[in-house]
Protein backbone atom coordinates (compact mmCIF):
# COMPACT_ATOMS: atom_id res chain seq x y z
CA MET A 1 0.00 0.00 0.00
CA LYS A 2 2.88 2.32 0.72
CA ALA A 3 4.09 1.83 -2.86
CA PHE A 4 0.68 2.95 -4.18
CA ARG A 5 0.86 6.07 -2.04
CA ASP A 6 4.56 7.05 -1.95
CA GLY A 7 6.10 5.42 -4.98
CA ALA A 8 8.98 2.92 -4.96
CA VAL A 9 9.87 1.53 -1.54
CA SER A 10 12.42 -1.02 -0.31
CA GLY A 11 13.11 -2.93 2.88
CA TYR A 12 14.56 -6.00 4.50
CA ASP A 13 12.28 -8.77 5.66
CA LYS A 14 14.02 -10.27 8.68
CA GLU A 15 11.62 -13.22 8.99
CA ALA A 16 12.02 -14.24 5.37
CA GLY A 17 15.65 -13.12 5.13
CA LEU A 18 14.94 -11.24 1.89
CA ILE A 19 15.58 -7.80 0.49
CA GLU A 20 12.35 -6.56 -1.06
CA ILE A 21 11.56 -3.64 -3.35
CA ALA A 22 8.14 -2.50 -4.53
CA ILE A 23 7.79 -0.29 -7.61
CA PRO A 24 4.37 1.09 -8.65
CA VAL A 25 3.24 0.48 -12.27
CA THR A 26 1.54 3.59 -13.66
CA VAL A 27 -0.47 4.34 -16.82
CA TYR A 28 -1.16 7.79 -18.18
CA ASP A 29 -4.90 8.60 -18.28
CA SER A 30 -5.55 11.08 -21.09
CA ASP A 31 -8.97 12.01 -19.70
CA LEU A 32 -7.58 12.72 -16.27
CA LYS A 33 -4.32 13.87 -17.72
CA ALA A 34 -2.43 12.13 -14.94
CA ASP A 35 -0.58 8.92 -14.14
CA ILE A 36 -2.79 6.24 -12.63
CA THR A 37 -1.24 3.37 -10.62
CA GLU A 38 -2.45 0.15 -12.09
CA GLY A 39 -0.42 -2.17 -9.87
CA VAL A 40 2.82 -2.78 -8.00
CA LEU A 41 5.85 -4.75 -9.15
CA VAL A 42 7.43 -6.53 -6.19
CA ALA A 43 10.94 -8.03 -6.39
CA ALA A 44 12.70 -9.99 -3.65
CA ALA A 45 16.24 -11.37 -3.42
CA SER A 46 18.29 -13.19 -0.82
CA PRO A 47 21.34 -11.15 0.47
CA GLU A 48 23.27 -14.31 1.29
CA LYS A 49 25.48 -14.13 -1.79
CA ILE A 50 26.17 -10.43 -1.20
CA LEU A 51 27.09 -11.12 2.43
CA ARG A 52 29.36 -13.96 1.35
CA ASP A 53 31.09 -11.65 -1.16
CA VAL A 54 31.51 -8.94 1.48
CA ALA A 55 32.94 -11.43 3.97
CA GLU A 56 35.31 -12.81 1.34
CA LYS A 57 36.51 -9.33 0.42
CA GLU A 58 37.04 -8.48 4.10
CA ARG A 59 39.08 -11.66 4.58
CA ARG A 60 41.18 -10.90 1.54
CA SER A 61 41.75 -7.30 2.63
CA VAL A 62 43.00 -8.53 6.05
CA ILE A 63 45.39 -10.95 4.35
CA ILE A 64 46.62 -8.22 2.01
CA GLU A 65 47.15 -5.84 4.97
CA ILE A 66 49.16 -8.49 6.86
CA LEU A 67 51.28 -9.26 3.78
CA ALA A 68 51.84 -5.52 3.20
CA ILE A 69 52.96 -5.02 6.81
CA VAL A 70 55.34 -7.98 6.61
CA LEU A 71 56.71 -6.77 3.28
CA LEU A 72 57.16 -3.17 4.46
CA THR A 73 58.84 -4.39 7.66
CA GLY A 74 61.26 -6.47 5.62
CA VAL A 75 61.99 -3.61 3.23
CA ALA A 76 62.47 -1.18 6.15
CA ALA A 77 64.85 -3.62 7.88
CA ALA A 78 66.83 -4.09 4.67
CA VAL A 79 67.05 -0.33 4.02
CA ALA A 80 68.01 0.33 7.64
CA SER A 81 70.73 -2.29 7.41
CA VAL A 82 72.14 -0.70 4.27
CA VAL A 83 71.95 2.79 5.77
CA VAL A 84 73.43 1.84 9.15
CA ARG A 85 76.24 -0.37 7.80
CA PRO A 86 78.57 2.57 6.98
CA PHE A 87 78.00 4.00 10.47
CA ASP A 88 78.90 0.60 11.94
CA LYS A 89 82.09 0.83 9.91
CA VAL A 90 82.71 4.31 11.33
CA THR A 91 82.17 3.01 14.88
CA GLY A 92 84.52 0.08 14.28
CA ALA A 93 87.15 2.33 12.71
CA ILE A 94 86.95 4.79 15.62
CA ARG A 95 87.27 1.98 18.17
CA SER A 96 90.24 0.46 16.36
CA ALA A 97 91.91 3.88 16.21
CA ALA A 98 91.34 4.62 19.90
CA SER A 99 94.74 3.18 20.76
CA PHE A 100 96.53 6.06 18.96
CA ASP A 101 98.19 3.70 16.48
CA ASP A 102 99.29 4.91 13.06
CA SER A 103 96.18 3.66 11.21
CA THR A 104 93.84 6.26 9.75
CA PRO A 105 90.11 5.37 9.59
CA ALA A 106 88.50 5.79 6.16
CA VAL A 107 84.81 5.11 5.35
CA SER A 108 83.72 6.62 2.04
CA ASP A 109 80.30 4.94 1.58
CA TYR A 110 78.42 8.22 2.02
CA LYS A 111 79.41 11.84 2.04
CA GLU A 112 78.10 12.13 5.60
CA THR A 113 80.21 9.23 6.91
CA GLU A 114 83.22 10.56 5.05
CA GLU A 115 82.78 13.95 6.74
CA ILE A 116 82.36 12.29 10.14
CA VAL A 117 85.56 10.29 9.67
CA GLU A 118 87.46 13.34 8.46
CA ALA A 119 86.34 15.30 11.53
CA PHE A 120 87.34 12.38 13.75
CA ASN A 121 90.75 12.14 12.08
CA GLU A 122 91.33 15.85 12.65
CA MET A 123 90.32 15.51 16.30
CA ARG A 124 92.52 12.40 16.63
CA THR A 125 95.51 14.23 15.17
CA GLN A 126 95.01 17.06 17.64
CA MET A 127 94.65 14.59 20.53
CA LYS A 128 97.83 12.77 19.49
CA ALA A 129 99.68 16.08 19.35
CA LEU A 130 98.26 17.00 22.75
CA ASP A 131 99.24 13.63 24.19
CA GLN A 132 102.73 13.92 22.77
CA SER A 133 103.00 17.44 24.16
CA ARG A 134 101.83 16.19 27.55
CA GLN A 135 104.41 13.41 27.56
CA GLU A 136 107.17 15.81 26.56
CA PHE A 137 106.03 18.26 29.22
CA VAL A 138 106.03 15.59 31.94
CA GLY A 139 109.47 14.42 30.79
CA ASN A 140 110.80 17.98 30.81
CA VAL A 141 109.33 18.69 34.24
CA SER A 142 110.86 15.51 35.64
CA HIS A 143 114.25 16.36 34.16
CA GLU A 144 114.20 19.99 35.27
CA LEU A 145 113.15 19.14 38.82
CA LYS A 146 115.64 16.29 39.14
CA THR A 147 118.63 18.33 37.90
CA PRO A 148 118.84 20.74 40.87
CA MET A 149 118.21 17.86 43.28
CA ALA A 150 121.03 15.88 41.70
CA SER A 151 123.33 18.88 42.00
CA ILE A 152 122.37 19.35 45.66
CA LYS A 153 123.08 15.67 46.34
CA VAL A 154 126.50 15.87 44.67
CA LEU A 155 127.38 18.97 46.70
CA ALA A 156 126.15 17.41 49.94
CA ASP A 157 128.10 14.21 49.29
CA SER A 158 131.20 16.29 48.57
CA ILE A 159 130.84 18.06 51.91
CA ASN A 160 130.44 14.75 53.73
CA MET A 161 133.59 13.39 52.11
CA GLN A 162 135.63 16.41 53.27
CA SER A 163 135.26 16.30 57.01
CA ASP A 164 138.35 18.43 57.59
CA ALA A 165 137.66 21.00 54.84
CA PRO A 166 138.12 24.67 55.77
CA VAL A 167 135.11 26.88 56.52
CA GLU A 168 135.50 28.74 53.22
CA VAL A 169 134.95 25.52 51.28
CA TYR A 170 131.85 24.75 53.33
CA ARG A 171 130.53 28.24 52.60
CA ASP A 172 131.11 27.81 48.85
CA PHE A 173 129.28 24.49 48.88
CA MET A 174 126.38 25.94 50.90
CA LYS A 175 126.17 28.88 48.50
CA ASP A 176 125.94 26.46 45.55
CA ILE A 177 123.29 24.42 47.37
CA SER A 178 121.31 27.60 48.11
CA GLU A 179 121.44 28.59 44.42
CA GLU A 180 120.18 25.15 43.37
CA ILE A 181 117.32 25.39 45.87
CA ASP A 182 116.43 28.83 44.49
CA ARG A 183 116.46 27.40 41.00
CA GLU A 184 114.15 24.56 42.08
CA ASN A 185 111.82 27.11 43.68
CA ASN A 186 111.77 29.19 40.49
CA ILE A 187 110.86 26.17 38.38
CA ILE A 188 108.06 25.15 40.75
CA SER A 189 106.71 28.71 40.95
CA ASP A 190 106.70 29.03 37.15
CA LEU A 191 105.02 25.65 36.78
CA LEU A 192 102.31 26.61 39.25
CA ALA A 193 101.76 29.89 37.42
CA LEU A 194 101.35 28.05 34.11
CA VAL A 195 98.98 25.47 35.59
CA LYS A 196 96.81 28.21 37.09
CA MET A 197 96.68 30.06 33.77
CA ASP A 198 95.82 26.88 31.84
CA LYS A 199 93.00 26.05 34.26
CA GLY A 200 91.76 29.62 34.38
CA VAL A 201 92.33 29.73 38.13
CA GLY A 202 92.78 33.24 39.44
CA ALA A 203 90.94 35.41 36.95
CA LEU A 204 92.58 38.57 35.69
CA ASN A 205 92.25 41.54 38.00
CA ILE A 206 91.54 44.09 35.28
CA GLU A 207 92.10 47.76 36.08
CA ASN A 208 92.73 50.82 33.98
CA LYS A 209 96.47 51.53 34.28
CA ASN A 210 98.96 53.96 32.81
CA ILE A 211 101.23 51.77 30.69
CA ASN A 212 103.94 54.44 30.45
CA MET A 213 104.38 54.49 34.22
CA LEU A 214 104.16 50.71 34.41
CA LEU A 215 107.06 50.29 31.95
CA GLU A 216 109.11 53.01 33.64
CA ASN A 217 108.81 51.18 36.96
CA ILE A 218 109.92 47.90 35.37
CA ILE A 219 112.93 49.55 33.74
CA ARG A 220 113.88 51.22 37.00
CA ARG A 221 113.75 47.89 38.87
CA LEU A 222 115.93 46.24 36.22
CA GLY A 223 118.45 49.09 36.28
CA PRO A 224 120.96 47.34 38.61
CA LEU A 225 120.90 44.17 36.50
CA ALA A 226 121.43 46.20 33.32
CA LYS A 227 124.33 48.06 34.90
CA LYS A 228 125.91 44.80 36.03
CA ASN A 229 125.66 43.38 32.50
CA GLU A 230 126.85 46.65 30.87
CA VAL A 231 123.55 47.08 29.02
CA ASP A 232 121.86 50.45 28.40
CA ILE A 233 118.06 50.50 28.53
CA VAL A 234 116.33 53.11 26.35
CA PHE A 235 112.62 53.79 26.77
CA GLU A 236 110.78 55.52 23.93
CA SER A 237 107.19 56.58 24.64
CA ILE A 238 105.34 57.85 21.57
CA ARG A 239 102.21 58.86 23.52
CA GLN A 240 100.50 58.44 26.87
CA VAL A 241 98.63 55.14 27.04
CA ASP A 242 95.96 54.07 29.53
CA ALA A 243 94.69 50.50 29.13
CA ASP A 244 92.68 47.83 30.93
CA VAL A 245 95.20 45.25 32.21
CA ASP A 246 96.06 43.02 35.13
CA GLU A 247 98.95 45.09 36.47
CA THR A 248 100.74 42.22 38.25
CA LYS A 249 100.57 39.72 35.40
CA ILE A 250 101.31 42.14 32.55
CA SER A 251 104.20 43.68 34.52
CA SER A 252 105.66 40.21 34.97
CA ALA A 253 105.34 39.55 31.22
CA PHE A 254 107.04 42.81 30.18
CA MET A 255 109.71 42.37 32.86
CA ASN A 256 110.51 38.91 31.51
CA LEU A 257 110.97 40.25 27.97
CA ILE A 258 113.19 43.14 29.07
CA GLU A 259 115.12 40.96 31.52
CA ASN A 260 115.80 38.41 28.77
CA GLY A 261 117.05 41.24 26.57
CA ILE A 262 119.53 42.18 29.32
CA LYS A 263 120.67 38.66 30.22
CA TYR A 264 121.09 37.38 26.64
CA ASN A 265 122.99 40.43 25.45
CA LYS A 266 126.51 41.40 24.56
CA LYS A 267 128.83 43.53 26.67
CA PRO A 268 128.40 46.41 26.12
CA GLY A 269 124.89 46.23 24.69
CA TRP A 270 121.51 47.92 24.61
CA VAL A 271 117.80 47.21 25.06
CA ARG A 272 115.17 49.50 23.54
CA VAL A 273 111.58 49.55 24.82
CA LYS A 274 109.07 51.39 22.63
CA LEU A 275 105.44 52.15 23.51
CA ASP A 276 102.85 53.26 20.97
CA ALA A 277 99.08 53.01 20.55
CA ASP A 278 96.12 53.66 18.30
CA HIS A 279 92.44 53.89 19.19
CA ARG A 280 92.13 50.11 19.66
CA PHE A 281 95.49 48.60 20.62
CA PHE A 282 98.70 49.54 22.38
CA THR A 283 102.01 48.08 21.20
CA VAL A 284 105.16 47.42 23.21
CA THR A 285 108.33 46.59 21.27
CA VAL A 286 111.37 45.19 23.09
CA SER A 287 114.51 45.00 20.95
CA ASP A 288 118.09 44.19 21.92
CA SER A 289 121.62 43.95 20.54
CA GLY A 290 122.06 40.42 21.87
CA MET A 291 123.17 37.12 20.44
CA GLY A 292 119.96 36.57 18.45
CA ILE A 293 117.95 33.41 17.89
CA PRO A 294 118.55 30.87 15.09
CA GLU A 295 115.79 30.85 12.48
CA GLU A 296 114.93 27.19 13.12
CA SER A 297 114.45 27.92 16.83
CA LEU A 298 112.07 30.88 16.46
CA PRO A 299 108.86 28.78 16.11
CA HIS A 300 109.67 26.98 19.38
CA ILE A 301 110.76 29.74 21.75
CA PHE A 302 107.31 29.99 23.38
CA GLU A 303 107.21 26.27 24.13
CA ARG A 304 107.60 25.17 27.72
CA PHE A 305 111.16 24.31 28.75
CA TYR A 306 112.51 25.17 25.30
CA ARG A 307 115.95 26.75 25.39
CA VAL A 308 117.93 28.04 22.43
CA ASP A 309 121.24 27.80 24.30
CA LYS A 310 120.80 25.34 27.17
CA SER A 311 124.24 25.83 28.67
CA HIS A 312 123.92 29.64 28.71
CA SER A 313 120.36 29.45 30.08
CA ARG A 314 121.50 27.27 32.97
CA GLU A 315 124.40 29.62 33.59
CA ILE A 316 122.12 32.67 33.99
CA GLY A 317 119.43 30.75 35.87
CA GLY A 318 116.69 30.41 33.25
CA THR A 319 113.90 27.86 33.79
CA GLY A 320 112.75 27.64 30.18
CA LEU A 321 109.23 28.70 31.22
CA GLY A 322 109.47 32.50 31.11
CA LEU A 323 108.40 33.03 27.50
CA ALA A 324 105.64 30.41 27.81
CA ILE A 325 104.22 32.30 30.80
CA THR A 326 104.64 35.63 28.98
CA ARG A 327 102.76 34.39 25.92
CA ARG A 328 99.98 32.89 28.04
CA THR A 329 99.59 36.15 29.98
CA ILE A 330 99.34 38.18 26.76
CA LEU A 331 96.80 35.76 25.30
CA LEU A 332 94.71 36.09 28.47
CA HIS A 333 94.66 39.84 27.75
CA ARG A 334 93.34 38.99 24.24
CA GLY A 335 96.64 40.19 22.78
CA SER A 336 99.38 38.77 20.56
CA ILE A 337 103.15 38.43 20.65
CA LYS A 338 105.63 37.75 17.87
CA ALA A 339 109.40 37.48 17.71
CA GLU A 340 111.84 38.42 14.97
CA SER A 341 115.57 37.77 15.22
CA VAL A 342 118.83 37.78 13.32
CA LEU A 343 121.51 35.50 14.70
CA GLY A 344 124.40 37.54 16.07
CA GLU A 345 122.55 40.86 15.73
CA GLY A 346 119.64 40.77 18.17
CA THR A 347 115.96 40.04 18.73
CA VAL A 348 112.73 42.05 18.56
CA PHE A 349 109.58 41.08 20.51
CA THR A 350 106.36 42.88 19.54
CA VAL A 351 103.39 42.75 21.91
CA ARG A 352 99.96 44.03 20.84
CA ILE A 353 97.13 44.27 23.40
CA PRO A 354 93.64 45.84 23.22
CA VAL A 355 93.36 49.14 25.06
CA GLY A 356 89.96 48.06 26.38
CA TYR A 357 89.81 44.53 27.80
CA ILE A 358 87.57 42.19 25.79
CA ALA A 359 85.84 39.82 28.22
């Protein structure tokens, strides 16, 4: 009846298990000029086959999904293995090179791994140089500390062997022992100063100081030593300079340069100290008429315990640490130092430091 009234209708008959559809059959009545429903066409079909098809398609889709997951997992594992393999090589190469042997890791599968290995090789080279420097430093420290002790022992044994020696001999021996103890103290003090600077212990006490006055005081204190060595000190000040420095540390650095110019000089000789500045930096130049430094030694003079003339350095009481401390002090002030020398004619040290301290 609903089909007569509303047109085509459909539904599912649960009791019969059928899908039914009813479509009205109409005829056009020319008198009424309208469609008249003559009857209803009813069709029914069982959904069993459709349900079976749906179930089969669902089963197949589940199987396809499982196969796809397995396949993608396998592909991902294979790709990951290919991608990770070069990094495993890098790891193995780094581990095998950890012993600081002479082998050089090389993995060129990818640009990235090649860059990683190159960076590691650069770091390894620096670490080997640092380790070698450390070993040399420890060896030098051991040697330098043992030398005065050995001298003291020899002197003490000599005294013990001469029980009836005159007082003058005892005094000479005690004087030599005292000098060796002073030398040991100087080495230890310089070593402690270097260690503190390397560790950053004892930050710079920056104050604005008059560099002209600072240099004049240093030259005045070194006057007796210069007179004893027949060396004239000339101070040339181009302009007044005020700068931010640690007065104690920078005074020690400049004193070391000027003192070296006096000690390693000829008799008679001269040392010239020149001060100049621009709006950013002040420059101190220390030149002398001394023995000079061989060209092959110039790159090494700022190394710890390096001595150009070991016998002469020992004779005048050098520790081999003065220039290393001087350079470190100047670097802490964000400055620079360079040396130029002509063997037999003299040496020029040029120090350049910012007028305003750069933290």
